Amino acid sequence: MNSKVNLENLGAKAVYVKAVAVAELPEAVREQAGELTTIFAVHNAKGEQLALVANRAMAFELARKNDMRPYTVH
């Protein structure tokens, strides 16, 4: 099921998780990513990047441990 969600309406606790190609990131971040080709970014409803993590599960766990509600975007 695909449905549009307006994150601004979900409040400050909503974050979105999206896959990011490591090749598109700054060199310093690429070096830290090691062998990974894709990492996951966690953003707030305003689009500000809050974190970069190795996988989707980790992104969701990070959000939930910080009392946030994660949503996947493409």
PDB file of N, CA and C in Angstrom:
ATOM      1  N   MET A   1       0.846  -1.177   0.000  1.00  0.00           N
ATOM      2  CA  MET A   1       0.000   0.000   0.000  1.00  0.00           C
ATOM      3  C   MET A   1       0.887   1.235   0.000  1.00  0.00           C
ATOM      4  N   ASN A   2       0.652   2.116  -0.914  1.00  0.00           N
ATOM      5  CA  ASN A   2       1.348   3.392  -0.958  1.00  0.00           C
ATOM      6  C   ASN A   2       0.355   4.494  -0.669  1.00  0.00           C
ATOM      7  N   SER A   3       0.650   5.280   0.337  1.00  0.00           N
ATOM      8  CA  SER A   3      -0.215   6.416   0.635  1.00  0.00           C
ATOM      9  C   SER A   3       0.661   7.604   0.983  1.00  0.00           C
ATOM     10  N   LYS A   4       0.207   8.774   0.591  1.00  0.00           N
ATOM     11  CA  LYS A   4       0.960   9.987   0.868  1.00  0.00           C
ATOM     12  C   LYS A   4       0.720  10.413   2.305  1.00  0.00           C
ATOM     13  N   VAL A   5       1.798  10.809   2.970  1.00  0.00           N
ATOM     14  CA  VAL A   5       1.726  11.267   4.346  1.00  0.00           C
ATOM     15  C   VAL A   5       2.377  12.635   4.410  1.00  0.00           C
ATOM     16  N   ASN A   6       1.663  13.603   4.939  1.00  0.00           N
ATOM     17  CA  ASN A   6       2.222  14.933   5.142  1.00  0.00           C
ATOM     18  C   ASN A   6       2.894  14.934   6.513  1.00  0.00           C
ATOM     19  N   LEU A   7       4.235  14.869   6.521  1.00  0.00           N
ATOM     20  CA  LEU A   7       4.958  14.772   7.780  1.00  0.00           C
ATOM     21  C   LEU A   7       4.785  16.002   8.655  1.00  0.00           C
ATOM     22  N   GLU A   8       4.551  17.154   8.065  1.00  0.00           N
ATOM     23  CA  GLU A   8       4.337  18.367   8.856  1.00  0.00           C
ATOM     24  C   GLU A   8       3.120  18.209   9.771  1.00  0.00           C
ATOM     25  N   ASN A   9       2.130  17.447   9.323  1.00  0.00           N
ATOM     26  CA  ASN A   9       0.916  17.255  10.119  1.00  0.00           C
ATOM     27  C   ASN A   9       1.084  16.234  11.224  1.00  0.00           C
ATOM     28  N   LEU A  10       2.164  15.478  11.210  1.00  0.00           N
ATOM     29  CA  LEU A  10       2.370  14.434  12.210  1.00  0.00           C
ATOM     30  C   LEU A  10       3.053  14.950  13.465  1.00  0.00           C
ATOM     31  N   GLY A  11       3.560  16.133  13.430  1.00  0.00           N
ATOM     32  CA  GLY A  11       4.179  16.722  14.606  1.00  0.00           C
ATOM     33  C   GLY A  11       5.677  16.530  14.653  1.00  0.00           C
ATOM     34  N   ALA A  12       6.282  17.089  15.690  1.00  0.00           N
ATOM     35  CA  ALA A  12       7.731  17.100  15.827  1.00  0.00           C
ATOM     36  C   ALA A  12       8.321  15.719  16.030  1.00  0.00           C
ATOM     37  N   LYS A  13       7.529  14.751  16.409  1.00  0.00           N
ATOM     38  CA  LYS A  13       8.033  13.414  16.690  1.00  0.00           C
ATOM     39  C   LYS A  13       8.180  12.557  15.437  1.00  0.00           C
ATOM     40  N   ALA A  14       7.704  13.014  14.306  1.00  0.00           N
ATOM     41  CA  ALA A  14       7.788  12.247  13.066  1.00  0.00           C
ATOM     42  C   ALA A  14       9.135  12.479  12.392  1.00  0.00           C
ATOM     43  N   VAL A  15       9.721  11.397  11.905  1.00  0.00           N
ATOM     44  CA  VAL A  15      10.942  11.477  11.111  1.00  0.00           C
ATOM     45  C   VAL A  15      10.765  10.586   9.893  1.00  0.00           C
ATOM     46  N   TYR A  16      11.511  10.882   8.848  1.00  0.00           N
ATOM     47  CA  TYR A  16      11.438   9.993   7.701  1.00  0.00           C
ATOM     48  C   TYR A  16      12.798   9.406   7.411  1.00  0.00           C
ATOM     49  N   VAL A  17      12.752   8.179   6.905  1.00  0.00           N
ATOM     50  CA  VAL A  17      13.952   7.399   6.638  1.00  0.00           C
ATOM     51  C   VAL A  17      14.026   7.159   5.143  1.00  0.00           C
ATOM     52  N   LYS A  18      15.190   7.426   4.565  1.00  0.00           N
ATOM     53  CA  LYS A  18      15.344   7.169   3.136  1.00  0.00           C
ATOM     54  C   LYS A  18      16.727   6.618   2.841  1.00  0.00           C
ATOM     55  N   ALA A  19      16.787   5.790   1.810  1.00  0.00           N
ATOM     56  CA  ALA A  19      18.058   5.233   1.362  1.00  0.00           C
ATOM     57  C   ALA A  19      18.850   6.303   0.638  1.00  0.00           C
ATOM     58  N   VAL A  20      20.166   6.292   0.833  1.00  0.00           N
ATOM     59  CA  VAL A  20      21.058   7.251   0.200  1.00  0.00           C
ATOM     60  C   VAL A  20      22.238   6.480  -0.396  1.00  0.00           C
ATOM     61  N   ALA A  21      22.527   6.735  -1.643  1.00  0.00           N
ATOM     62  CA  ALA A  21      23.696   6.116  -2.269  1.00  0.00           C
ATOM     63  C   ALA A  21      24.958   6.735  -1.683  1.00  0.00           C
ATOM     64  N   VAL A  22      25.845   5.907  -1.204  1.00  0.00           N
ATOM     65  CA  VAL A  22      27.084   6.394  -0.603  1.00  0.00           C
ATOM     66  C   VAL A  22      27.869   7.246  -1.600  1.00  0.00           C
ATOM     67  N   ALA A  23      27.827   6.885  -2.865  1.00  0.00           N
ATOM     68  CA  ALA A  23      28.565   7.623  -3.898  1.00  0.00           C
ATOM     69  C   ALA A  23      28.135   9.083  -4.003  1.00  0.00           C
ATOM     70  N   GLU A  24      26.929   9.417  -3.541  1.00  0.00           N
ATOM     71  CA  GLU A  24      26.411  10.785  -3.611  1.00  0.00           C
ATOM     72  C   GLU A  24      26.793  11.638  -2.404  1.00  0.00           C
ATOM     73  N   LEU A  25      27.467  11.048  -1.439  1.00  0.00           N
ATOM     74  CA  LEU A  25      27.797  11.744  -0.201  1.00  0.00           C
ATOM     75  C   LEU A  25      29.183  12.378  -0.274  1.00  0.00           C
ATOM     76  N   PRO A  26      29.458  13.348   0.601  1.00  0.00           N
ATOM     77  CA  PRO A  26      30.788  13.960   0.645  1.00  0.00           C
ATOM     78  C   PRO A  26      31.870  12.908   0.928  1.00  0.00           C
ATOM     79  N   GLU A  27      33.071  13.170   0.479  1.00  0.00           N
ATOM     80  CA  GLU A  27      34.165  12.208   0.594  1.00  0.00           C
ATOM     81  C   GLU A  27      34.394  11.733   2.033  1.00  0.00           C
ATOM     82  N   ALA A  28      34.339  12.636   2.989  1.00  0.00           N
ATOM     83  CA  ALA A  28      34.564  12.257   4.388  1.00  0.00           C
ATOM     84  C   ALA A  28      33.543  11.228   4.866  1.00  0.00           C
ATOM     85  N   VAL A  29      32.315  11.366   4.428  1.00  0.00           N
ATOM     86  CA  VAL A  29      31.271  10.420   4.813  1.00  0.00           C
ATOM     87  C   VAL A  29      31.464   9.102   4.068  1.00  0.00           C
ATOM     88  N   ARG A  30      31.829   9.180   2.791  1.00  0.00           N
ATOM     89  CA  ARG A  30      32.082   7.960   2.005  1.00  0.00           C
ATOM     90  C   ARG A  30      33.165   7.114   2.664  1.00  0.00           C
ATOM     91  N   GLU A  31      34.195   7.755   3.161  1.00  0.00           N
ATOM     92  CA  GLU A  31      35.283   7.029   3.822  1.00  0.00           C
ATOM     93  C   GLU A  31      34.780   6.293   5.054  1.00  0.00           C
ATOM     94  N   GLN A  32      33.889   6.917   5.799  1.00  0.00           N
ATOM     95  CA  GLN A  32      33.351   6.294   7.013  1.00  0.00           C
ATOM     96  C   GLN A  32      32.395   5.153   6.701  1.00  0.00           C
ATOM     97  N   ALA A  33      31.810   5.159   5.507  1.00  0.00           N
ATOM     98  CA  ALA A  33      30.834   4.125   5.132  1.00  0.00           C
ATOM     99  C   ALA A  33      31.488   2.794   4.801  1.00  0.00           C
ATOM    100  N   GLY A  34      32.801   2.793   4.634  1.00  0.00           N
ATOM    101  CA  GLY A  34      33.505   1.547   4.352  1.00  0.00           C
ATOM    102  C   GLY A  34      33.030   0.901   3.064  1.00  0.00           C
ATOM    103  N   GLU A  35      32.634  -0.357   3.130  1.00  0.00           N
ATOM    104  CA  GLU A  35      32.215  -1.133   1.963  1.00  0.00           C
ATOM    105  C   GLU A  35      30.746  -0.933   1.591  1.00  0.00           C
ATOM    106  N   LEU A  36      30.007  -0.207   2.393  1.00  0.00           N
ATOM    107  CA  LEU A  36      28.576  -0.010   2.125  1.00  0.00           C
ATOM    108  C   LEU A  36      28.378   0.799   0.847  1.00  0.00           C
ATOM    109  N   THR A  37      27.372   0.444   0.076  1.00  0.00           N
ATOM    110  CA  THR A  37      27.032   1.221  -1.120  1.00  0.00           C
ATOM    111  C   THR A  37      25.786   2.066  -0.897  1.00  0.00           C
ATOM    112  N   THR A  38      25.000   1.683   0.100  1.00  0.00           N
ATOM    113  CA  THR A  38      23.791   2.421   0.465  1.00  0.00           C
ATOM    114  C   THR A  38      23.751   2.556   1.976  1.00  0.00           C
ATOM    115  N   ILE A  39      23.403   3.745   2.448  1.00  0.00           N
ATOM    116  CA  ILE A  39      23.153   3.955   3.868  1.00  0.00           C
ATOM    117  C   ILE A  39      21.787   4.621   3.999  1.00  0.00           C
ATOM    118  N   PHE A  40      21.347   4.818   5.219  1.00  0.00           N
ATOM    119  CA  PHE A  40      20.019   5.378   5.437  1.00  0.00           C
ATOM    120  C   PHE A  40      20.099   6.658   6.247  1.00  0.00           C
ATOM    121  N   ALA A  41      19.373   7.660   5.762  1.00  0.00           N
ATOM    122  CA  ALA A  41      19.327   8.963   6.412  1.00  0.00           C
ATOM    123  C   ALA A  41      18.018   9.111   7.173  1.00  0.00           C
ATOM    124  N   VAL A  42      18.099   9.734   8.324  1.00  0.00           N
ATOM    125  CA  VAL A  42      16.921  10.053   9.136  1.00  0.00           C
ATOM    126  C   VAL A  42      16.769  11.570   9.102  1.00  0.00           C
ATOM    127  N   HIS A  43      15.590  12.027   8.680  1.00  0.00           N
ATOM    128  CA  HIS A  43      15.311  13.463   8.557  1.00  0.00           C
ATOM    129  C   HIS A  43      14.089  13.834   9.384  1.00  0.00           C
ATOM    130  N   ASN A  44      14.069  15.065   9.876  1.00  0.00           N
ATOM    131  CA  ASN A  44      12.862  15.550  10.545  1.00  0.00           C
ATOM    132  C   ASN A  44      11.881  16.065   9.498  1.00  0.00           C
ATOM    133  N   ALA A  45      10.718  16.482   9.934  1.00  0.00           N
ATOM    134  CA  ALA A  45       9.662  16.925   9.017  1.00  0.00           C
ATOM    135  C   ALA A  45      10.052  18.165   8.218  1.00  0.00           C
ATOM    136  N   LYS A  46      11.031  18.925   8.693  1.00  0.00           N
ATOM    137  CA  LYS A  46      11.503  20.106   7.965  1.00  0.00           C
ATOM    138  C   LYS A  46      12.561  19.747   6.932  1.00  0.00           C
ATOM    139  N   GLY A  47      12.947  18.470   6.877  1.00  0.00           N
ATOM    140  CA  GLY A  47      13.940  18.025   5.918  1.00  0.00           C
ATOM    141  C   GLY A  47      15.364  18.058   6.421  1.00  0.00           C
ATOM    142  N   GLU A  48      15.558  18.425   7.667  1.00  0.00           N
ATOM    143  CA  GLU A  48      16.906  18.481   8.237  1.00  0.00           C
ATOM    144  C   GLU A  48      17.400  17.070   8.539  1.00  0.00           C
ATOM    145  N   GLN A  49      18.602  16.762   8.092  1.00  0.00           N
ATOM    146  CA  GLN A  49      19.168  15.436   8.342  1.00  0.00           C
ATOM    147  C   GLN A  49      19.579  15.328   9.800  1.00  0.00           C
ATOM    148  N   LEU A  50      19.097  14.282  10.452  1.00  0.00           N
ATOM    149  CA  LEU A  50      19.414  14.068  11.860  1.00  0.00           C
ATOM    150  C   LEU A  50      20.497  13.020  12.052  1.00  0.00           C
ATOM    151  N   ALA A  51      20.538  12.020  11.158  1.00  0.00           N
ATOM    152  CA  ALA A  51      21.511  10.933  11.312  1.00  0.00           C
ATOM    153  C   ALA A  51      21.697  10.187  10.008  1.00  0.00           C
ATOM    154  N   LEU A  52      22.845   9.529   9.897  1.00  0.00           N
ATOM    155  CA  LEU A  52      23.127   8.580   8.830  1.00  0.00           C
ATOM    156  C   LEU A  52      23.503   7.271   9.512  1.00  0.00           C
ATOM    157  N   VAL A  53      22.877   6.179   9.086  1.00  0.00           N
ATOM    158  CA  VAL A  53      23.159   4.882   9.703  1.00  0.00           C
ATOM    159  C   VAL A  53      23.321   3.811   8.629  1.00  0.00           C
ATOM    160  N   ALA A  54      23.819   2.668   9.025  1.00  0.00           N
ATOM    161  CA  ALA A  54      24.190   1.615   8.085  1.00  0.00           C
ATOM    162  C   ALA A  54      23.016   0.925   7.406  1.00  0.00           C
ATOM    163  N   ASN A  55      21.868   0.824   8.079  1.00  0.00           N
ATOM    164  CA  ASN A  55      20.747   0.094   7.466  1.00  0.00           C
ATOM    165  C   ASN A  55      19.408   0.627   7.957  1.00  0.00           C
ATOM    166  N   ARG A  56      18.350   0.198   7.270  1.00  0.00           N
ATOM    167  CA  ARG A  56      17.000   0.684   7.563  1.00  0.00           C
ATOM    168  C   ARG A  56      16.559   0.307   8.980  1.00  0.00           C
ATOM    169  N   ALA A  57      16.835  -0.927   9.372  1.00  0.00           N
ATOM    170  CA  ALA A  57      16.433  -1.379  10.710  1.00  0.00           C
ATOM    171  C   ALA A  57      17.066  -0.511  11.791  1.00  0.00           C
ATOM    172  N   MET A  58      18.326  -0.172  11.609  1.00  0.00           N
ATOM    173  CA  MET A  58      19.020   0.682  12.573  1.00  0.00           C
ATOM    174  C   MET A  58      18.409   2.078  12.608  1.00  0.00           C
ATOM    175  N   ALA A  59      18.016   2.587  11.451  1.00  0.00           N
ATOM    176  CA  ALA A  59      17.386   3.911  11.389  1.00  0.00           C
ATOM    177  C   ALA A  59      16.070   3.923  12.170  1.00  0.00           C
ATOM    178  N   PHE A  60      15.264   2.885  11.991  1.00  0.00           N
ATOM    179  CA  PHE A  60      13.991   2.801  12.700  1.00  0.00           C
ATOM    180  C   PHE A  60      14.210   2.633  14.201  1.00  0.00           C
ATOM    181  N   GLU A  61      15.179   1.813  14.567  1.00  0.00           N
ATOM    182  CA  GLU A  61      15.482   1.608  15.985  1.00  0.00           C
ATOM    183  C   GLU A  61      15.960   2.909  16.628  1.00  0.00           C
ATOM    184  N   LEU A  62      16.837   3.623  15.947  1.00  0.00           N
ATOM    185  CA  LEU A  62      17.333   4.905  16.445  1.00  0.00           C
ATOM    186  C   LEU A  62      16.180   5.881  16.679  1.00  0.00           C
ATOM    187  N   ALA A  63      15.295   5.972  15.703  1.00  0.00           N
ATOM    188  CA  ALA A  63      14.150   6.881  15.831  1.00  0.00           C
ATOM    189  C   ALA A  63      13.279   6.508  17.021  1.00  0.00           C
ATOM    190  N   ARG A  64      12.938   5.234  17.109  1.00  0.00           N
ATOM    191  CA  ARG A  64      12.045   4.791  18.191  1.00  0.00           C
ATOM    192  C   ARG A  64      12.679   4.960  19.568  1.00  0.00           C
ATOM    193  N   LYS A  65      13.977   4.716  19.678  1.00  0.00           N
ATOM    194  CA  LYS A  65      14.661   4.892  20.969  1.00  0.00           C
ATOM    195  C   LYS A  65      14.696   6.356  21.388  1.00  0.00           C
ATOM    196  N   ASN A  66      14.491   7.246  20.439  1.00  0.00           N
ATOM    197  CA  ASN A  66      14.450   8.678  20.738  1.00  0.00           C
ATOM    198  C   ASN A  66      13.031   9.228  20.687  1.00  0.00           C
ATOM    199  N   ASP A  67      12.070   8.332  20.912  1.00  0.00           N
ATOM    200  CA  ASP A  67      10.647   8.697  20.973  1.00  0.00           C
ATOM    201  C   ASP A  67      10.144   9.393  19.717  1.00  0.00           C
ATOM    202  N   MET A  68      10.637   8.953  18.567  1.00  0.00           N
ATOM    203  CA  MET A  68      10.185   9.488  17.283  1.00  0.00           C
ATOM    204  C   MET A  68       9.442   8.400  16.520  1.00  0.00           C
ATOM    205  N   ARG A  69       8.615   8.821  15.567  1.00  0.00           N
ATOM    206  CA  ARG A  69       7.863   7.880  14.732  1.00  0.00           C
ATOM    207  C   ARG A  69       8.461   7.886  13.327  1.00  0.00           C
ATOM    208  N   PRO A  70       9.138   6.797  12.944  1.00  0.00           N
ATOM    209  CA  PRO A  70       9.780   6.758  11.629  1.00  0.00           C
ATOM    210  C   PRO A  70       8.819   6.363  10.514  1.00  0.00           C
ATOM    211  N   TYR A  71       9.016   6.961   9.352  1.00  0.00           N
ATOM    212  CA  TYR A  71       8.257   6.656   8.143  1.00  0.00           C
ATOM    213  C   TYR A  71       9.253   6.510   6.996  1.00  0.00           C
ATOM    214  N   THR A  72       9.038   5.538   6.145  1.00  0.00           N
ATOM    215  CA  THR A  72       9.914   5.340   5.002  1.00  0.00           C
ATOM    216  C   THR A  72       9.455   6.206   3.842  1.00  0.00           C
ATOM    217  N   VAL A  73      10.399   6.827   3.146  1.00  0.00           N
ATOM    218  CA  VAL A  73      10.107   7.549   1.916  1.00  0.00           C
ATOM    219  C   VAL A  73      11.041   7.018   0.833  1.00  0.00           C
ATOM    220  N   HIS A  74      10.657   7.241  -0.396  1.00  0.00           N
ATOM    221  CA  HIS A  74      11.456   6.736  -1.527  1.00  0.00           C
ATOM    222  C   HIS A  74      12.143   7.892  -2.211  1.00  0.00           C
TER     223      HIS A  74
END
